[in-house]
Amino acid sequence: MSAPTPADKPKPDKSDKPKKSRPPSPPRRKNRFNEREFARAGRAAKAIGAERVEVDPATGKISIIIGKPGKDATDRNPWDEVL
């Protein structure tokens, strides 16, 4: 006769053990913005020369703050003086 294999042994009944219960976890807050949106806003702000990017985590509002142009702006359009 061969030795009993693990498959031949009866499995213990798990219903005998009391189930562990965890206290209910608080509901998660909705994610208002994600990293991808912030990265896009940051790249856009950098491209237009913005001063800074602000994020309001409560509302998910992403604001791009544009600074005032300097007096020695070199990117003037010559047609601005004609008109």
PDB file of N, CA and C in Angstrom:
ATOM      1  N   MET A   1       0.832  -1.167   0.000  1.00  0.00           N
ATOM      2  CA  MET A   1       0.000   0.000   0.000  1.00  0.00           C
ATOM      3  C   MET A   1       0.887   1.244   0.000  1.00  0.00           C
ATOM      4  N   SER A   2       0.512   2.255  -0.742  1.00  0.00           N
ATOM      5  CA  SER A   2       1.332   3.454  -0.871  1.00  0.00           C
ATOM      6  C   SER A   2       1.018   4.448   0.249  1.00  0.00           C
ATOM      7  N   ALA A   3       1.936   5.368   0.447  1.00  0.00           N
ATOM      8  CA  ALA A   3       1.758   6.391   1.486  1.00  0.00           C
ATOM      9  C   ALA A   3       0.673   7.368   1.051  1.00  0.00           C
ATOM     10  N   PRO A   4      -0.077   7.894   2.007  1.00  0.00           N
ATOM     11  CA  PRO A   4      -1.131   8.847   1.642  1.00  0.00           C
ATOM     12  C   PRO A   4      -0.515  10.139   1.089  1.00  0.00           C
ATOM     13  N   THR A   5      -1.118  10.650   0.056  1.00  0.00           N
ATOM     14  CA  THR A   5      -0.658  11.899  -0.551  1.00  0.00           C
ATOM     15  C   THR A   5      -1.448  13.060   0.030  1.00  0.00           C
ATOM     16  N   PRO A   6      -0.944  14.282  -0.140  1.00  0.00           N
ATOM     17  CA  PRO A   6      -1.671  15.443   0.398  1.00  0.00           C
ATOM     18  C   PRO A   6      -3.078  15.568  -0.190  1.00  0.00           C
ATOM     19  N   ALA A   7      -3.281  15.074  -1.402  1.00  0.00           N
ATOM     20  CA  ALA A   7      -4.602  15.166  -2.009  1.00  0.00           C
ATOM     21  C   ALA A   7      -5.581  14.196  -1.358  1.00  0.00           C
ATOM     22  N   ASP A   8      -5.066  13.090  -0.748  1.00  0.00           N
ATOM     23  CA  ASP A   8      -5.926  12.102  -0.118  1.00  0.00           C
ATOM     24  C   ASP A   8      -6.386  12.531   1.262  1.00  0.00           C
ATOM     25  N   LYS A   9      -5.656  13.449   1.890  1.00  0.00           N
ATOM     26  CA  LYS A   9      -6.010  13.879   3.245  1.00  0.00           C
ATOM     27  C   LYS A   9      -7.251  14.780   3.181  1.00  0.00           C
ATOM     28  N   PRO A  10      -8.149  14.610   4.125  1.00  0.00           N
ATOM     29  CA  PRO A  10      -9.314  15.505   4.135  1.00  0.00           C
ATOM     30  C   PRO A  10      -8.887  16.923   4.529  1.00  0.00           C
ATOM     31  N   LYS A  11      -9.484  17.896   3.877  1.00  0.00           N
ATOM     32  CA  LYS A  11      -9.161  19.294   4.161  1.00  0.00           C
ATOM     33  C   LYS A  11      -9.914  19.740   5.412  1.00  0.00           C
ATOM     34  N   PRO A  12      -9.284  20.530   6.248  1.00  0.00           N
ATOM     35  CA  PRO A  12      -9.982  20.994   7.442  1.00  0.00           C
ATOM     36  C   PRO A  12     -11.152  21.904   7.046  1.00  0.00           C
ATOM     37  N   ASP A  13     -12.198  21.805   7.806  1.00  0.00           N
ATOM     38  CA  ASP A  13     -13.388  22.601   7.534  1.00  0.00           C
ATOM     39  C   ASP A  13     -13.160  24.022   8.057  1.00  0.00           C
ATOM     40  N   LYS A  14     -13.234  24.978   7.177  1.00  0.00           N
ATOM     41  CA  LYS A  14     -12.978  26.367   7.571  1.00  0.00           C
ATOM     42  C   LYS A  14     -14.172  26.986   8.278  1.00  0.00           C
ATOM     43  N   SER A  15     -15.319  26.347   8.207  1.00  0.00           N
ATOM     44  CA  SER A  15     -16.500  26.926   8.840  1.00  0.00           C
ATOM     45  C   SER A  15     -16.423  26.810  10.357  1.00  0.00           C
ATOM     46  N   ASP A  16     -15.517  25.970  10.875  1.00  0.00           N
ATOM     47  CA  ASP A  16     -15.382  25.820  12.317  1.00  0.00           C
ATOM     48  C   ASP A  16     -14.694  27.026  12.942  1.00  0.00           C
ATOM     49  N   LYS A  17     -13.852  27.685  12.180  1.00  0.00           N
ATOM     50  CA  LYS A  17     -13.109  28.818  12.711  1.00  0.00           C
ATOM     51  C   LYS A  17     -13.978  30.072  12.672  1.00  0.00           C
ATOM     52  N   PRO A  18     -13.917  30.886  13.713  1.00  0.00           N
ATOM     53  CA  PRO A  18     -14.670  32.150  13.653  1.00  0.00           C
ATOM     54  C   PRO A  18     -14.002  33.104  12.668  1.00  0.00           C
ATOM     55  N   LYS A  19     -14.801  33.840  11.937  1.00  0.00           N
ATOM     56  CA  LYS A  19     -14.264  34.787  10.956  1.00  0.00           C
ATOM     57  C   LYS A  19     -13.786  36.039  11.670  1.00  0.00           C
ATOM     58  N   LYS A  20     -12.663  36.530  11.197  1.00  0.00           N
ATOM     59  CA  LYS A  20     -12.141  37.774  11.748  1.00  0.00           C
ATOM     60  C   LYS A  20     -12.881  38.926  11.108  1.00  0.00           C
ATOM     61  N   SER A  21     -13.360  39.812  11.916  1.00  0.00           N
ATOM     62  CA  SER A  21     -14.070  40.961  11.357  1.00  0.00           C
ATOM     63  C   SER A  21     -13.242  42.219  11.580  1.00  0.00           C
ATOM     64  N   ARG A  22     -13.227  43.060  10.570  1.00  0.00           N
ATOM     65  CA  ARG A  22     -12.509  44.327  10.665  1.00  0.00           C
ATOM     66  C   ARG A  22     -13.533  45.433  10.875  1.00  0.00           C
ATOM     67  N   PRO A  23     -13.119  46.475  11.531  1.00  0.00           N
ATOM     68  CA  PRO A  23     -14.044  47.609  11.625  1.00  0.00           C
ATOM     69  C   PRO A  23     -14.211  48.217  10.236  1.00  0.00           C
ATOM     70  N   PRO A  24     -15.365  48.751   9.940  1.00  0.00           N
ATOM     71  CA  PRO A  24     -15.569  49.325   8.603  1.00  0.00           C
ATOM     72  C   PRO A  24     -14.637  50.508   8.373  1.00  0.00           C
ATOM     73  N   SER A  25     -14.071  50.555   7.190  1.00  0.00           N
ATOM     74  CA  SER A  25     -13.168  51.660   6.870  1.00  0.00           C
ATOM     75  C   SER A  25     -13.987  52.845   6.379  1.00  0.00           C
ATOM     76  N   PRO A  26     -13.498  54.050   6.622  1.00  0.00           N
ATOM     77  CA  PRO A  26     -14.232  55.223   6.150  1.00  0.00           C
ATOM     78  C   PRO A  26     -14.226  55.269   4.622  1.00  0.00           C
ATOM     79  N   PRO A  27     -15.246  55.842   4.033  1.00  0.00           N
ATOM     80  CA  PRO A  27     -15.268  55.905   2.560  1.00  0.00           C
ATOM     81  C   PRO A  27     -14.148  56.800   2.048  1.00  0.00           C
ATOM     82  N   ARG A  28     -13.628  56.424   0.888  1.00  0.00           N
ATOM     83  CA  ARG A  28     -12.555  57.222   0.290  1.00  0.00           C
ATOM     84  C   ARG A  28     -13.126  58.473  -0.342  1.00  0.00           C
ATOM     85  N   ARG A  29     -12.322  59.525  -0.303  1.00  0.00           N
ATOM     86  CA  ARG A  29     -12.738  60.752  -0.981  1.00  0.00           C
ATOM     87  C   ARG A  29     -12.514  60.608  -2.467  1.00  0.00           C
ATOM     88  N   LYS A  30     -13.329  61.290  -3.233  1.00  0.00           N
ATOM     89  CA  LYS A  30     -13.186  61.250  -4.681  1.00  0.00           C
ATOM     90  C   LYS A  30     -11.919  61.997  -5.071  1.00  0.00           C
ATOM     91  N   ASN A  31     -11.148  61.409  -5.963  1.00  0.00           N
ATOM     92  CA  ASN A  31      -9.927  62.044  -6.440  1.00  0.00           C
ATOM     93  C   ASN A  31     -10.327  63.162  -7.402  1.00  0.00           C
ATOM     94  N   ARG A  32     -10.049  64.380  -7.053  1.00  0.00           N
ATOM     95  CA  ARG A  32     -10.480  65.532  -7.839  1.00  0.00           C
ATOM     96  C   ARG A  32      -9.586  65.788  -9.046  1.00  0.00           C
ATOM     97  N   PHE A  33      -8.325  65.424  -8.973  1.00  0.00           N
ATOM     98  CA  PHE A  33      -7.419  65.587 -10.104  1.00  0.00           C
ATOM     99  C   PHE A  33      -6.383  64.484 -10.016  1.00  0.00           C
ATOM    100  N   ASN A  34      -5.730  64.216 -11.108  1.00  0.00           N
ATOM    101  CA  ASN A  34      -4.698  63.194 -11.071  1.00  0.00           C
ATOM    102  C   ASN A  34      -3.371  63.766 -11.559  1.00  0.00           C
ATOM    103  N   GLU A  35      -2.350  62.989 -11.421  1.00  0.00           N
ATOM    104  CA  GLU A  35      -1.001  63.446 -11.740  1.00  0.00           C
ATOM    105  C   GLU A  35      -0.855  63.779 -13.224  1.00  0.00           C
ATOM    106  N   ARG A  36      -1.559  63.047 -14.057  1.00  0.00           N
ATOM    107  CA  ARG A  36      -1.474  63.290 -15.500  1.00  0.00           C
ATOM    108  C   ARG A  36      -2.016  64.683 -15.846  1.00  0.00           C
ATOM    109  N   GLU A  37      -3.145  65.059 -15.242  1.00  0.00           N
ATOM    110  CA  GLU A  37      -3.704  66.388 -15.511  1.00  0.00           C
ATOM    111  C   GLU A  37      -2.763  67.486 -15.025  1.00  0.00           C
ATOM    112  N   PHE A  38      -2.163  67.269 -13.862  1.00  0.00           N
ATOM    113  CA  PHE A  38      -1.239  68.263 -13.330  1.00  0.00           C
ATOM    114  C   PHE A  38      -0.005  68.396 -14.210  1.00  0.00           C
ATOM    115  N   ALA A  39       0.492  67.275 -14.725  1.00  0.00           N
ATOM    116  CA  ALA A  39       1.668  67.312 -15.598  1.00  0.00           C
ATOM    117  C   ALA A  39       1.352  68.061 -16.883  1.00  0.00           C
ATOM    118  N   ARG A  40       0.167  67.832 -17.439  1.00  0.00           N
ATOM    119  CA  ARG A  40      -0.229  68.555 -18.653  1.00  0.00           C
ATOM    120  C   ARG A  40      -0.314  70.048 -18.401  1.00  0.00           C
ATOM    121  N   ALA A  41      -0.901  70.430 -17.271  1.00  0.00           N
ATOM    122  CA  ALA A  41      -1.009  71.848 -16.937  1.00  0.00           C
ATOM    123  C   ALA A  41       0.377  72.455 -16.723  1.00  0.00           C
ATOM    124  N   GLY A  42       1.266  71.712 -16.093  1.00  0.00           N
ATOM    125  CA  GLY A  42       2.624  72.209 -15.871  1.00  0.00           C
ATOM    126  C   GLY A  42       3.382  72.416 -17.164  1.00  0.00           C
ATOM    127  N   ARG A  43       3.248  71.459 -18.101  1.00  0.00           N
ATOM    128  CA  ARG A  43       3.922  71.618 -19.401  1.00  0.00           C
ATOM    129  C   ARG A  43       3.340  72.796 -20.176  1.00  0.00           C
ATOM    130  N   ALA A  44       2.025  72.975 -20.114  1.00  0.00           N
ATOM    131  CA  ALA A  44       1.396  74.091 -20.806  1.00  0.00           C
ATOM    132  C   ALA A  44       1.854  75.417 -20.199  1.00  0.00           C
ATOM    133  N   ALA A  45       1.942  75.454 -18.879  1.00  0.00           N
ATOM    134  CA  ALA A  45       2.387  76.678 -18.207  1.00  0.00           C
ATOM    135  C   ALA A  45       3.827  77.010 -18.577  1.00  0.00           C
ATOM    136  N   LYS A  46       4.657  75.993 -18.648  1.00  0.00           N
ATOM    137  CA  LYS A  46       6.058  76.211 -19.014  1.00  0.00           C
ATOM    138  C   LYS A  46       6.160  76.705 -20.453  1.00  0.00           C
ATOM    139  N   ALA A  47       5.321  76.166 -21.331  1.00  0.00           N
ATOM    140  CA  ALA A  47       5.365  76.553 -22.744  1.00  0.00           C
ATOM    141  C   ALA A  47       4.967  78.006 -22.957  1.00  0.00           C
ATOM    142  N   ILE A  48       4.033  78.509 -22.154  1.00  0.00           N
ATOM    143  CA  ILE A  48       3.593  79.894 -22.336  1.00  0.00           C
ATOM    144  C   ILE A  48       4.349  80.869 -21.436  1.00  0.00           C
ATOM    145  N   GLY A  49       5.250  80.353 -20.612  1.00  0.00           N
ATOM    146  CA  GLY A  49       6.041  81.222 -19.747  1.00  0.00           C
ATOM    147  C   GLY A  49       5.278  81.699 -18.533  1.00  0.00           C
ATOM    148  N   ALA A  50       4.422  80.858 -17.982  1.00  0.00           N
ATOM    149  CA  ALA A  50       3.631  81.238 -16.810  1.00  0.00           C
ATOM    150  C   ALA A  50       4.514  81.336 -15.577  1.00  0.00           C
ATOM    151  N   GLU A  51       4.016  82.088 -14.623  1.00  0.00           N
ATOM    152  CA  GLU A  51       4.748  82.303 -13.387  1.00  0.00           C
ATOM    153  C   GLU A  51       4.688  81.073 -12.483  1.00  0.00           C
ATOM    154  N   ARG A  52       3.485  80.487 -12.317  1.00  0.00           N
ATOM    155  CA  ARG A  52       3.336  79.307 -11.461  1.00  0.00           C
ATOM    156  C   ARG A  52       2.014  78.591 -11.760  1.00  0.00           C
ATOM    157  N   VAL A  53       1.874  77.384 -11.206  1.00  0.00           N
ATOM    158  CA  VAL A  53       0.663  76.580 -11.330  1.00  0.00           C
ATOM    159  C   VAL A  53       0.169  76.289  -9.925  1.00  0.00           C
ATOM    160  N   GLU A  54      -1.121  76.528  -9.678  1.00  0.00           N
ATOM    161  CA  GLU A  54      -1.704  76.271  -8.362  1.00  0.00           C
ATOM    162  C   GLU A  54      -2.782  75.209  -8.497  1.00  0.00           C
ATOM    163  N   VAL A  55      -2.884  74.356  -7.477  1.00  0.00           N
ATOM    164  CA  VAL A  55      -3.890  73.299  -7.461  1.00  0.00           C
ATOM    165  C   VAL A  55      -4.664  73.388  -6.156  1.00  0.00           C
ATOM    166  N   ASP A  56      -5.992  73.376  -6.249  1.00  0.00           N
ATOM    167  CA  ASP A  56      -6.856  73.328  -5.070  1.00  0.00           C
ATOM    168  C   ASP A  56      -7.324  71.881  -4.914  1.00  0.00           C
ATOM    169  N   PRO A  57      -6.781  71.131  -3.952  1.00  0.00           N
ATOM    170  CA  PRO A  57      -7.130  69.714  -3.854  1.00  0.00           C
ATOM    171  C   PRO A  57      -8.587  69.478  -3.463  1.00  0.00           C
ATOM    172  N   ALA A  58      -9.229  70.423  -2.797  1.00  0.00           N
ATOM    173  CA  ALA A  58     -10.623  70.229  -2.388  1.00  0.00           C
ATOM    174  C   ALA A  58     -11.566  70.235  -3.583  1.00  0.00           C
ATOM    175  N   THR A  59     -11.309  71.105  -4.551  1.00  0.00           N
ATOM    176  CA  THR A  59     -12.200  71.211  -5.701  1.00  0.00           C
ATOM    177  C   THR A  59     -11.604  70.620  -6.969  1.00  0.00           C
ATOM    178  N   GLY A  60     -10.294  70.414  -6.988  1.00  0.00           N
ATOM    179  CA  GLY A  60      -9.643  69.893  -8.180  1.00  0.00           C
ATOM    180  C   GLY A  60      -9.342  70.962  -9.209  1.00  0.00           C
ATOM    181  N   LYS A  61      -9.443  72.211  -8.815  1.00  0.00           N
ATOM    182  CA  LYS A  61      -9.206  73.324  -9.730  1.00  0.00           C
ATOM    183  C   LYS A  61      -7.706  73.535  -9.925  1.00  0.00           C
ATOM    184  N   ILE A  62      -7.272  73.545 -11.180  1.00  0.00           N
ATOM    185  CA  ILE A  62      -5.873  73.789 -11.528  1.00  0.00           C
ATOM    186  C   ILE A  62      -5.801  75.168 -12.175  1.00  0.00           C
ATOM    187  N   SER A  63      -5.032  76.071 -11.584  1.00  0.00           N
ATOM    188  CA  SER A  63      -4.920  77.436 -12.083  1.00  0.00           C
ATOM    189  C   SER A  63      -3.504  77.696 -12.563  1.00  0.00           C
ATOM    190  N   ILE A  64      -3.392  78.332 -13.722  1.00  0.00           N
ATOM    191  CA  ILE A  64      -2.095  78.740 -14.258  1.00  0.00           C
ATOM    192  C   ILE A  64      -1.996  80.244 -14.089  1.00  0.00           C
ATOM    193  N   ILE A  65      -1.002  80.694 -13.328  1.00  0.00           N
ATOM    194  CA  ILE A  65      -0.823  82.109 -13.038  1.00  0.00           C
ATOM    195  C   ILE A  65       0.205  82.661 -14.021  1.00  0.00           C
ATOM    196  N   ILE A  66      -0.221  83.649 -14.787  1.00  0.00           N
ATOM    197  CA  ILE A  66       0.652  84.274 -15.781  1.00  0.00           C
ATOM    198  C   ILE A  66       1.137  85.598 -15.213  1.00  0.00           C
ATOM    199  N   GLY A  67       2.448  85.792 -15.223  1.00  0.00           N
ATOM    200  CA  GLY A  67       3.027  87.019 -14.691  1.00  0.00           C
ATOM    201  C   GLY A  67       2.836  88.188 -15.647  1.00  0.00           C
ATOM    202  N   LYS A  68       3.063  89.374 -15.132  1.00  0.00           N
ATOM    203  CA  LYS A  68       2.952  90.576 -15.956  1.00  0.00           C
ATOM    204  C   LYS A  68       4.163  90.670 -16.872  1.00  0.00           C
ATOM    205  N   PRO A  69       3.970  91.097 -18.109  1.00  0.00           N
ATOM    206  CA  PRO A  69       5.115  91.199 -19.014  1.00  0.00           C
ATOM    207  C   PRO A  69       6.051  92.327 -18.578  1.00  0.00           C
ATOM    208  N   GLY A  70       7.333  92.125 -18.801  1.00  0.00           N
ATOM    209  CA  GLY A  70       8.329  93.131 -18.446  1.00  0.00           C
ATOM    210  C   GLY A  70       8.348  94.263 -19.466  1.00  0.00           C
ATOM    211  N   LYS A  71       9.028  95.364 -19.120  1.00  0.00           N
ATOM    212  CA  LYS A  71       9.086  96.510 -20.016  1.00  0.00           C
ATOM    213  C   LYS A  71      10.028  96.268 -21.184  1.00  0.00           C
ATOM    214  N   ASP A  72      10.985  95.391 -21.016  1.00  0.00           N
ATOM    215  CA  ASP A  72      11.934  95.134 -22.082  1.00  0.00           C
ATOM    216  C   ASP A  72      11.583  93.825 -22.806  1.00  0.00           C
ATOM    217  N   ALA A  73      10.342  93.716 -23.224  1.00  0.00           N
ATOM    218  CA  ALA A  73       9.911  92.507 -23.928  1.00  0.00           C
ATOM    219  C   ALA A  73      10.562  92.483 -25.308  1.00  0.00           C
ATOM    220  N   THR A  74      11.219  91.401 -25.629  1.00  0.00           N
ATOM    221  CA  THR A  74      11.905  91.301 -26.915  1.00  0.00           C
ATOM    222  C   THR A  74      11.042  90.663 -27.982  1.00  0.00           C
ATOM    223  N   ASP A  75       9.886  90.133 -27.601  1.00  0.00           N
ATOM    224  CA  ASP A  75       9.027  89.466 -28.579  1.00  0.00           C
ATOM    225  C   ASP A  75       7.897  90.395 -29.048  1.00  0.00           C
ATOM    226  N   ARG A  76       8.212  91.644 -29.252  1.00  0.00           N
ATOM    227  CA  ARG A  76       7.206  92.605 -29.715  1.00  0.00           C
ATOM    228  C   ARG A  76       6.889  92.372 -31.188  1.00  0.00           C
ATOM    229  N   ASN A  77       5.660  92.629 -31.520  1.00  0.00           N
ATOM    230  CA  ASN A  77       5.215  92.499 -32.888  1.00  0.00           C
ATOM    231  C   ASN A  77       5.350  93.877 -33.552  1.00  0.00           C
ATOM    232  N   PRO A  78       6.009  94.018 -34.695  1.00  0.00           N
ATOM    233  CA  PRO A  78       6.166  95.331 -35.322  1.00  0.00           C
ATOM    234  C   PRO A  78       4.831  95.921 -35.758  1.00  0.00           C
ATOM    235  N   TRP A  79       3.837  95.120 -35.948  1.00  0.00           N
ATOM    236  CA  TRP A  79       2.533  95.642 -36.365  1.00  0.00           C
ATOM    237  C   TRP A  79       1.791  96.329 -35.223  1.00  0.00           C
ATOM    238  N   ASP A  80       2.200  96.088 -33.965  1.00  0.00           N
ATOM    239  CA  ASP A  80       1.572  96.765 -32.840  1.00  0.00           C
ATOM    240  C   ASP A  80       1.812  98.299 -32.931  1.00  0.00           C
ATOM    241  N   GLU A  81       2.968  98.719 -33.436  1.00  0.00           N
ATOM    242  CA  GLU A  81       3.275 100.135 -33.527  1.00  0.00           C
ATOM    243  C   GLU A  81       2.569 100.759 -34.734  1.00  0.00           C
ATOM    244  N   VAL A  82       2.316  99.989 -35.782  1.00  0.00           N
ATOM    245  CA  VAL A  82       1.674 100.524 -36.974  1.00  0.00           C
ATOM    246  C   VAL A  82       0.201 100.825 -36.683  1.00  0.00           C
ATOM    247  N   LEU A  83      -0.444  99.927 -35.971  1.00  0.00           N
ATOM    248  CA  LEU A  83      -1.870 100.102 -35.686  1.00  0.00           C
ATOM    249  C   LEU A  83      -2.026 101.098 -34.582  1.00  0.00           C
TER     250      LEU A  83
END
